Protein backbone atom coordinates (compact mmCIF):
# COMPACT_ATOMS: atom_id res chain seq x y z
CA MET A 1 55.86 118.41 84.12
CA PRO A 2 58.94 116.30 84.98
CA PRO A 3 59.96 116.08 88.65
CA PRO A 4 62.39 118.82 89.74
CA LEU A 5 66.06 118.03 89.43
CA SER A 6 68.62 118.74 92.12
CA ARG A 7 71.20 121.36 91.26
CA GLU A 8 73.79 118.59 90.82
CA ASP A 9 71.50 116.59 88.52
CA LEU A 10 70.75 119.73 86.53
CA THR A 11 74.46 120.47 86.17
CA GLN A 12 75.06 116.93 84.91
CA SER A 13 72.11 117.13 82.53
CA ILE A 14 73.35 120.41 81.01
CA TYR A 15 76.85 118.96 80.75
CA ASP A 16 75.58 115.83 79.02
CA ILE A 17 73.46 117.81 76.53
CA LEU A 18 76.39 120.03 75.64
CA ARG A 19 78.95 117.24 75.45
CA ASN A 20 76.84 114.70 73.59
CA ASP A 21 74.64 116.86 71.36
CA LEU A 22 75.74 120.46 70.93
CA LEU A 23 79.47 120.99 71.29
CA GLU A 24 82.51 119.29 69.85
CA VAL A 25 84.71 119.18 72.94
CA GLY A 26 87.53 117.04 74.19
CA GLU A 27 88.24 115.38 77.49
CA GLU A 28 89.30 118.72 78.98
CA PHE A 29 85.66 119.90 78.95
CA THR A 30 84.18 119.67 82.46
CA PRO A 31 81.07 121.04 84.22
CA ARG A 32 83.27 123.97 85.26
CA SER A 33 84.53 124.82 81.76
CA ASN A 34 83.58 128.18 80.29
CA LEU A 35 80.75 127.54 77.84
CA ILE A 36 81.54 130.42 75.50
CA ASP A 37 85.20 129.38 75.31
CA ALA A 38 84.02 125.81 74.58
CA GLY A 39 82.17 127.06 71.49
CA LEU A 40 78.65 127.75 72.71
CA ASP A 41 77.05 130.09 70.18
CA SER A 42 73.57 131.58 69.87
CA LEU A 43 72.17 128.58 67.99
CA ALA A 44 73.56 126.14 70.56
CA VAL A 45 72.14 128.31 73.38
CA THR A 46 68.68 128.08 71.83
CA GLN A 47 68.99 124.31 71.40
CA LEU A 48 70.29 123.95 74.96
CA LEU A 49 67.42 125.97 76.42
CA LEU A 50 64.87 123.88 74.51
CA ALA A 51 66.48 120.65 75.74
CA VAL A 52 66.57 121.92 79.33
CA GLU A 53 62.93 123.00 79.15
CA GLU A 54 61.97 119.59 77.78
CA ARG A 55 63.78 117.80 80.61
CA THR A 56 62.82 120.10 83.47
CA GLY A 57 59.70 121.99 82.44
CA VAL A 58 61.50 125.24 83.30
CA TRP A 59 61.51 127.95 80.64
CA VAL A 60 64.57 130.19 80.76
CA ASP A 61 64.26 133.69 79.32
CA GLU A 62 67.30 134.39 77.16
CA GLY A 63 67.55 137.75 78.92
CA LEU A 64 68.80 135.88 81.98
CA LEU A 65 71.77 134.56 80.04
CA THR A 66 74.77 136.66 80.92
CA PRO A 67 78.50 136.00 80.81
CA GLU A 68 78.14 135.02 84.46
CA THR A 69 75.35 132.47 83.93
CA LEU A 70 77.13 131.08 80.86
CA ALA A 71 80.43 130.82 82.72
CA SER A 72 79.93 127.05 83.17
CA CYS A 73 77.40 124.23 83.36
CA GLU A 74 77.43 124.78 87.13
CA SER A 75 76.54 128.48 86.91
CA LEU A 76 73.82 127.88 84.33
CA ALA A 77 72.39 125.08 86.47
CA ALA A 78 72.34 127.42 89.48
CA CYS A 79 70.36 129.99 87.47
CA ILE A 80 67.85 127.41 86.23
CA HIS A 81 67.56 125.79 89.65
CA GLU A 82 66.72 129.17 91.16
CA LEU A 83 64.10 129.78 88.47
CA ALA A 84 62.53 126.43 89.25
CA GLY A 85 62.11 127.53 92.84
CA ALA A 86 63.68 124.32 94.09
């Protein structure tokens, strides 16, 4: 299993995955941008969770994904960080 990431590193990792691989976003997209408004759909969520699990070793149950946890990269990172017990 990969070493645990800090919450800040996890936020950046989620942001990079979304920006570089899953979403077509402009410069206005930041770690605080709303993910649903940025175009995150169910397929992208699945791909994101797989990428996060691959990088962190933390499996995220889709049942934990709420409008609150998908509010931003920061809120999703907080959820995953808590799951990791870090």
